[in-house]
Amino acid sequence: MSPSIEGRFPWYVNIFGGKQSARSLHFLSLIAFTLFIIIHTALVLIVHFQDYIRNIVFGDPNGNTGLAILIAVIALLIVAVIYVWSSWYSLRHKRKMQNALGALVDPVLKALLHREKSKQQYKQSDITSYFWVNGRPPESEEYKRLAQYNFAEWKLEICGLVEQPLALSLADLRQLLKQTQITKHNCIQGWSGVAEWAGAPLTEVLKLCKPLPEARYLVFTSYQKGKGAVKPELEEAQKHTFYEVIDMELARHPETILAYEMNGEPLPIVHGAPLRLRVETVLGYKMVKYLKSIELVKDYSTIGQGRGGFREDFQYYGRSAEI
C-alpha cells in the first residue's frame, strides 16, 4: 500500500505556527497603537485644551474657543456620517463599489505601473527564514493521487487561442530554459517574504504553443476550489475552480515564470506544487498555485463572473494588482 500523502509529504499538513505568531504580534501592535491614541487624545483634552482646540481649528491660539469647539464637533459629525453611510452602502452594493473604485483606480495603476520592469536584486542572505503559508492544498482525490506519486503523471494543459495545444509534464518543463530569481512576494494581506524561485520562463512556453494574434489574456486555472468568498456568494464560490487572469504583456515580462522550485528544492505542496505562477510586479493573489491549465483567450468576460479572477469575482478585489 502506498504511503498517505501526509506521510510522503509532511509539509502537506497545514503548519500555521509562524502565521499565528505573526498574527499575535500584529494584534499586540494594534493594542499598543490603540492605547497610544486613547492616551494622546486624553492628554489633548486634559492639558491646555482651549489652546489646542483653537490651534487645531484656526491655527491661532487667540481664536474663539466656543466657535472652535462648535466647528470641531460639526466636522467630527460629518466624518462619522460619511463613514456610516459609506460602510452601509459598500456592504449592500459591493459590485457597484468595486466597479466605481475600479474605474478610478485601475486606469491610474495600469498607466503608472503596468509596464514597469522589476529591478529586484536580492541576495541569498535576504531569503526569508519562514515564508508565509496562505490557504490549504487542494482536497480533490485527483490532486492527492498526483501528489502521492510525486506528480509523475501530472501535466499542464495549454489550450485556447494557440496554434499548438500542449500537455507538458514536469520533465518537459525542466527541459526548457531554467530561470532562477530571488524576489519579494507581496501579499494583499500586508505581509511579504523573499524567496528564490526557479522554473521555466512563460515566454518559452508561449514559443511552443504559438499564440494566435487575437489572444490577449491568459487564464490560469488551479486544482483548488475557491474559498473565503463574501456572502451570499459563498456557496457558489466554493464550487468554483480557482483561477486568475493576466494579460499578454505581463505574460511576457522577463520575470514571469512557471516555478517548480523554491529555495533550491522542489516546490513544496503548501506553496503550490507541482507548479505555480510567478509574476513579480503584481500582488501575490494573482500568482496561481497548483496549476492545472493555461487557456489563452481574447476576452475573459464569460469566465466565472467575468471580472478576471476568482478573487475579483467573489471577493471584490480590484482588477489591477500592480505593486
Protein backbone atom coordinates (compact mmCIF):
# COMPACT_ATOMS: atom_id res chain seq x y z
CA MET A 1 0.00 0.00 0.00
CA SER A 2 1.30 3.42 -0.92
CA PRO A 3 2.01 5.78 1.96
CA SER A 4 -0.50 8.53 2.67
CA ILE A 5 0.10 11.96 1.23
CA GLU A 6 0.77 13.29 4.74
CA GLY A 7 3.40 10.63 5.30
CA ARG A 8 5.04 11.06 1.92
CA PHE A 9 4.89 14.84 2.04
CA PRO A 10 4.96 16.06 5.65
CA TRP A 11 4.68 19.67 4.50
CA TYR A 12 1.20 18.78 3.19
CA VAL A 13 -0.03 19.03 6.77
CA ASN A 14 -1.02 22.63 7.30
CA ILE A 15 1.50 24.31 9.59
CA PHE A 16 0.40 27.68 10.86
CA GLY A 17 2.66 28.17 13.87
CA GLY A 18 4.60 31.02 12.27
CA LYS A 19 1.43 32.55 10.94
CA GLN A 20 -0.24 32.54 14.34
CA SER A 21 2.85 34.06 15.92
CA ALA A 22 2.87 36.87 13.37
CA ARG A 23 -0.83 37.50 13.90
CA SER A 24 -0.24 37.66 17.65
CA LEU A 25 2.46 40.29 17.11
CA HIS A 26 0.12 42.25 14.84
CA PHE A 27 -2.61 42.10 17.48
CA LEU A 28 -0.28 43.32 20.23
CA SER A 29 0.85 46.15 17.94
CA LEU A 30 -2.78 47.07 17.33
CA ILE A 31 -3.45 47.16 21.08
CA ALA A 32 -0.38 49.36 21.63
CA PHE A 33 -1.42 51.74 18.85
CA THR A 34 -4.98 51.94 20.21
CA LEU A 35 -3.68 52.75 23.70
CA PHE A 36 -1.44 55.44 22.22
CA ILE A 37 -4.44 57.08 20.51
CA ILE A 38 -6.50 56.96 23.70
CA ILE A 39 -3.72 58.43 25.84
CA HIS A 40 -2.78 61.06 23.27
CA THR A 41 -6.41 62.17 22.87
CA ALA A 42 -6.88 62.27 26.65
CA LEU A 43 -3.82 64.48 27.04
CA VAL A 44 -5.12 66.86 24.38
CA LEU A 45 -8.43 67.11 26.27
CA ILE A 46 -6.85 67.47 29.69
CA VAL A 47 -3.75 69.62 29.10
CA HIS A 48 -4.29 73.14 27.68
CA PHE A 49 -7.46 72.06 25.84
CA GLN A 50 -8.53 75.58 24.91
CA ASP A 51 -5.16 76.40 23.35
CA TYR A 52 -5.06 73.09 21.45
CA ILE A 53 -8.60 73.31 20.07
CA ARG A 54 -8.04 76.88 18.85
CA ASN A 55 -4.76 75.88 17.22
CA ILE A 56 -6.27 72.77 15.62
CA VAL A 57 -9.29 74.58 14.16
CA PHE A 58 -7.97 78.09 13.43
CA GLY A 59 -4.21 77.68 13.57
CA ASP A 60 -4.33 80.57 16.01
CA PRO A 61 -4.17 80.29 19.82
CA ASN A 62 -6.16 83.54 20.14
CA GLY A 63 -9.32 82.39 18.31
CA ASN A 64 -12.79 82.00 19.81
CA THR A 65 -12.87 78.84 21.94
CA GLY A 66 -16.62 78.27 21.67
CA LEU A 67 -16.61 78.62 17.91
CA ALA A 68 -13.60 76.30 17.64
CA ILE A 69 -15.40 73.61 19.65
CA LEU A 70 -18.55 74.00 17.54
CA ILE A 71 -16.63 73.68 14.27
CA ALA A 72 -14.71 70.65 15.59
CA VAL A 73 -17.92 68.88 16.69
CA ILE A 74 -19.62 69.56 13.34
CA ALA A 75 -16.56 68.29 11.44
CA LEU A 76 -16.48 65.10 13.51
CA LEU A 77 -20.20 64.53 12.96
CA ILE A 78 -19.77 64.96 9.19
CA VAL A 79 -16.91 62.44 9.18
CA ALA A 80 -18.98 59.99 11.25
CA VAL A 81 -22.00 60.32 8.94
CA ILE A 82 -19.86 59.78 5.83
CA TYR A 83 -18.20 56.76 7.43
CA VAL A 84 -21.51 55.16 8.47
CA TRP A 85 -23.11 55.80 5.07
CA SER A 86 -20.12 54.56 3.05
CA SER A 87 -19.85 51.42 5.18
CA TRP A 88 -23.57 50.73 4.81
CA TYR A 89 -23.56 51.36 1.07
CA SER A 90 -20.39 49.34 0.44
CA LEU A 91 -21.71 46.29 2.27
CA ARG A 92 -25.01 46.36 0.36
CA HIS A 93 -23.70 47.30 -3.07
CA LYS A 94 -20.35 45.53 -3.27
CA ARG A 95 -20.26 45.18 -7.04
CA LYS A 96 -21.20 48.82 -7.62
CA MET A 97 -18.42 49.96 -5.29
CA GLN A 98 -15.97 47.56 -6.94
CA ASN A 99 -16.86 48.98 -10.36
CA ALA A 100 -16.76 52.60 -9.20
CA LEU A 101 -13.42 52.28 -7.43
CA GLY A 102 -12.03 50.24 -10.30
CA ALA A 103 -12.98 52.95 -12.77
CA LEU A 104 -10.98 55.44 -10.71
CA VAL A 105 -8.03 53.36 -9.58
CA ASP A 106 -7.36 50.73 -12.26
CA PRO A 107 -6.53 53.11 -15.14
CA VAL A 108 -4.08 55.02 -12.93
CA LEU A 109 -2.33 51.86 -11.73
CA LYS A 110 -2.14 50.49 -15.24
CA ALA A 111 -0.76 53.72 -16.67
CA LEU A 112 1.86 54.18 -13.96
CA LEU A 113 2.91 50.64 -13.08
CA HIS A 114 1.77 48.05 -15.62
CA ARG A 115 4.76 48.41 -17.93
CA GLU A 116 7.33 48.75 -15.17
CA LYS A 117 10.08 46.12 -15.10
CA SER A 118 11.10 44.52 -11.85
CA LYS A 119 14.53 45.66 -10.63
CA GLN A 120 14.77 43.39 -7.61
CA GLN A 121 18.31 42.38 -6.70
CA TYR A 122 18.02 40.31 -3.56
CA LYS A 123 20.82 38.04 -2.35
CA GLN A 124 20.76 34.56 -0.86
CA SER A 125 21.23 36.12 2.57
CA ASP A 126 17.98 38.08 2.08
CA ILE A 127 15.81 34.96 1.78
CA THR A 128 13.08 34.88 4.42
CA SER A 129 13.59 32.17 7.05
CA TYR A 130 9.84 31.48 7.25
CA PHE A 131 7.80 32.13 4.12
CA TRP A 132 4.14 32.60 4.94
CA VAL A 133 1.68 29.85 4.02
CA ASN A 134 -1.66 31.05 2.68
CA GLY A 135 -4.55 28.63 2.23
CA ARG A 136 -4.65 24.85 2.11
CA PRO A 137 -3.70 22.42 -0.67
CA PRO A 138 -6.42 21.10 -2.98
CA GLU A 139 -8.67 18.48 -1.43
CA SER A 140 -9.67 16.61 -4.59
CA GLU A 141 -8.80 12.94 -4.95
CA GLU A 142 -7.22 13.70 -8.33
CA TYR A 143 -4.73 16.11 -6.80
CA LYS A 144 -3.96 13.84 -3.83
CA ARG A 145 -3.30 10.95 -6.20
CA LEU A 146 -0.94 13.05 -8.31
CA ALA A 147 0.92 14.26 -5.22
CA GLN A 148 1.18 10.75 -3.80
CA TYR A 149 3.24 9.69 -6.80
CA ASN A 150 5.38 12.84 -6.84
CA PHE A 151 3.38 14.35 -9.73
CA ALA A 152 4.85 11.87 -12.21
CA GLU A 153 1.52 11.72 -14.07
CA TRP A 154 0.74 15.43 -13.81
CA LYS A 155 0.58 17.51 -16.99
CA LEU A 156 -0.07 21.18 -17.59
CA GLU A 157 -2.70 21.68 -20.28
CA ILE A 158 -2.20 24.71 -22.54
CA CYS A 159 -5.14 25.41 -24.80
CA GLY A 160 -7.38 28.07 -26.29
CA LEU A 161 -6.19 30.51 -28.92
CA VAL A 162 -2.96 28.71 -29.79
CA GLU A 163 -1.62 27.04 -32.90
CA GLN A 164 -0.22 24.13 -30.90
CA PRO A 165 -2.12 22.89 -27.83
CA LEU A 166 0.23 21.33 -25.28
CA ALA A 167 0.25 18.94 -22.34
CA LEU A 168 3.56 19.47 -20.54
CA SER A 169 4.88 17.25 -17.77
CA LEU A 170 7.34 18.44 -15.13
CA ALA A 171 10.06 16.69 -17.10
CA ASP A 172 9.04 18.65 -20.21
CA LEU A 173 9.18 21.94 -18.32
CA ARG A 174 12.59 21.09 -16.91
CA GLN A 175 13.87 20.62 -20.46
CA LEU A 176 13.13 24.27 -21.19
CA LEU A 177 15.38 27.17 -20.27
CA LYS A 178 15.63 27.34 -16.47
CA GLN A 179 15.39 30.78 -14.88
CA THR A 180 16.25 31.45 -11.23
CA GLN A 181 15.34 34.67 -9.43
CA ILE A 182 15.31 35.90 -5.84
CA THR A 183 12.31 38.18 -5.41
CA LYS A 184 9.93 39.57 -2.82
CA HIS A 185 6.38 38.23 -2.64
CA ASN A 186 3.92 40.96 -1.64
CA CYS A 187 0.56 39.80 -0.28
CA ILE A 188 -2.54 41.96 -0.20
CA GLN A 189 -2.90 40.93 3.45
CA GLY A 190 0.12 43.09 4.25
CA TRP A 191 2.92 40.56 4.67
CA SER A 192 5.88 39.93 2.38
CA GLY A 193 8.66 37.40 2.03
CA VAL A 194 11.78 36.90 -0.06
CA ALA A 195 12.42 33.55 -1.75
CA GLU A 196 14.39 32.05 -4.61
CA TRP A 197 12.17 30.74 -7.38
CA ALA A 198 13.25 28.64 -10.35
CA GLY A 199 11.29 27.46 -13.34
CA ALA A 200 10.53 27.91 -17.00
CA PRO A 201 10.02 31.45 -18.33
CA LEU A 202 6.46 31.75 -19.56
CA THR A 203 7.82 33.20 -22.80
CA GLU A 204 9.43 29.82 -23.54
CA VAL A 205 6.08 28.07 -23.19
CA LEU A 206 4.44 30.69 -25.42
CA LYS A 207 7.03 29.96 -28.08
CA LEU A 208 5.97 26.33 -28.04
CA CYS A 209 2.21 26.85 -28.14
CA LYS A 210 2.37 29.81 -30.59
CA PRO A 211 -0.46 32.16 -29.52
CA LEU A 212 -2.85 33.29 -32.23
CA PRO A 213 -2.89 37.04 -32.97
CA GLU A 214 -6.23 37.54 -31.20
CA ALA A 215 -5.01 36.02 -27.91
CA ARG A 216 -4.89 38.85 -25.36
CA TYR A 217 -5.19 37.16 -21.96
CA LEU A 218 -4.03 34.01 -20.18
CA VAL A 219 -6.37 32.22 -17.78
CA PHE A 220 -4.51 30.22 -15.12
CA THR A 221 -6.64 27.52 -13.52
CA SER A 222 -5.79 25.72 -10.29
CA TYR A 223 -6.68 22.36 -8.78
CA GLN A 224 -8.06 24.37 -5.85
CA LYS A 225 -11.68 25.21 -5.32
CA GLY A 226 -12.43 28.74 -4.25
CA LYS A 227 -12.92 29.53 -0.58
CA GLY A 228 -13.31 32.57 1.60
CA ALA A 229 -15.81 34.39 -0.57
CA VAL A 230 -18.06 37.13 0.69
CA LYS A 231 -21.66 36.08 1.39
CA PRO A 232 -24.09 35.49 -0.29
CA GLU A 233 -21.74 34.18 -3.00
CA LEU A 234 -20.06 31.76 -0.59
CA GLU A 235 -21.85 28.61 -1.72
CA GLU A 236 -21.31 29.35 -5.41
CA ALA A 237 -17.67 30.25 -4.82
CA GLN A 238 -16.88 27.02 -3.00
CA LYS A 239 -17.94 25.09 -6.10
CA HIS A 240 -15.95 27.26 -8.48
CA THR A 241 -12.43 26.36 -9.54
CA PHE A 242 -9.86 28.95 -8.52
CA TYR A 243 -8.50 30.94 -11.45
CA GLU A 244 -6.79 34.25 -12.22
CA VAL A 245 -6.11 36.17 -15.44
CA ILE A 246 -3.12 38.18 -16.64
CA ASP A 247 -2.69 39.95 -19.96
CA MET A 248 -0.15 39.10 -22.62
CA GLU A 249 2.12 41.96 -21.57
CA LEU A 250 2.53 40.54 -18.05
CA ALA A 251 2.91 37.06 -19.50
CA ARG A 252 5.93 38.25 -21.48
CA HIS A 253 7.50 40.07 -18.56
CA PRO A 254 11.14 38.91 -18.14
CA GLU A 255 10.48 37.69 -14.56
CA THR A 256 7.21 35.87 -15.25
CA ILE A 257 7.95 32.18 -14.77
CA LEU A 258 6.24 28.88 -14.09
CA ALA A 259 8.07 27.91 -10.91
CA TYR A 260 8.75 24.28 -9.99
CA GLU A 261 11.46 25.01 -7.40
CA MET A 262 11.63 27.17 -4.28
CA ASN A 263 14.86 27.93 -2.44
CA GLY A 264 16.73 25.25 -4.38
CA GLU A 265 14.24 22.47 -3.61
CA PRO A 266 11.21 21.07 -5.45
CA LEU A 267 8.26 23.37 -4.89
CA PRO A 268 6.59 22.41 -1.58
CA ILE A 269 2.95 21.44 -1.65
CA VAL A 270 1.94 24.25 0.70
CA HIS A 271 3.47 26.73 -1.76
CA GLY A 272 1.77 25.36 -4.86
CA ALA A 273 3.38 22.11 -6.08
CA PRO A 274 3.85 20.93 -8.68
CA LEU A 275 3.82 24.32 -10.43
CA ARG A 276 2.87 27.89 -9.65
CA LEU A 277 2.85 31.16 -11.49
CA ARG A 278 5.29 33.90 -10.52
CA VAL A 279 4.66 37.45 -11.77
CA GLU A 280 6.95 39.69 -9.77
CA THR A 281 5.30 43.05 -10.45
CA VAL A 282 1.85 42.20 -9.05
CA LEU A 283 0.34 41.20 -5.71
CA GLY A 284 0.52 37.58 -4.67
CA TYR A 285 -3.14 36.67 -5.20
CA LYS A 286 -2.59 36.74 -8.98
CA MET A 287 0.14 34.07 -8.77
CA VAL A 288 -1.95 30.93 -9.04
CA LYS A 289 -0.71 27.84 -7.19
CA TYR A 290 -1.36 24.14 -8.01
CA LEU A 291 -1.54 24.90 -11.72
CA LYS A 292 -3.78 22.68 -13.80
CA SER A 293 -4.14 24.56 -17.09
CA ILE A 294 -3.47 27.75 -19.01
CA GLU A 295 -6.01 28.94 -21.55
CA LEU A 296 -5.31 31.77 -23.97
CA VAL A 297 -8.40 33.87 -24.68
CA LYS A 298 -9.43 37.06 -26.40
CA ASP A 299 -11.75 38.09 -23.58
CA TYR A 300 -12.44 36.78 -20.06
CA SER A 301 -15.92 38.26 -19.57
CA THR A 302 -17.58 34.84 -19.90
CA ILE A 303 -15.29 33.11 -17.38
CA GLY A 304 -16.65 32.93 -13.85
CA GLN A 305 -18.41 36.23 -13.24
CA GLY A 306 -16.24 37.93 -15.82
CA ARG A 307 -14.09 40.07 -13.52
CA GLY A 308 -10.73 38.49 -14.35
CA GLY A 309 -10.21 36.12 -11.44
CA PHE A 310 -11.74 34.27 -8.52
CA ARG A 311 -10.93 37.00 -6.02
CA GLU A 312 -12.25 39.68 -8.36
CA ASP A 313 -15.43 37.64 -8.90
CA PHE A 314 -16.24 36.59 -5.36
CA GLN A 315 -14.18 38.77 -3.02
CA TYR A 316 -14.48 42.05 -4.93
CA TYR A 317 -10.76 42.61 -5.39
CA GLY A 318 -9.65 45.18 -7.93
CA ARG A 319 -8.67 44.07 -11.40
CA SER A 320 -5.32 45.84 -11.15
CA ALA A 321 -2.84 44.24 -8.77
CA GLU A 322 0.31 46.16 -9.70
CA ILE A 323 2.82 47.00 -6.99
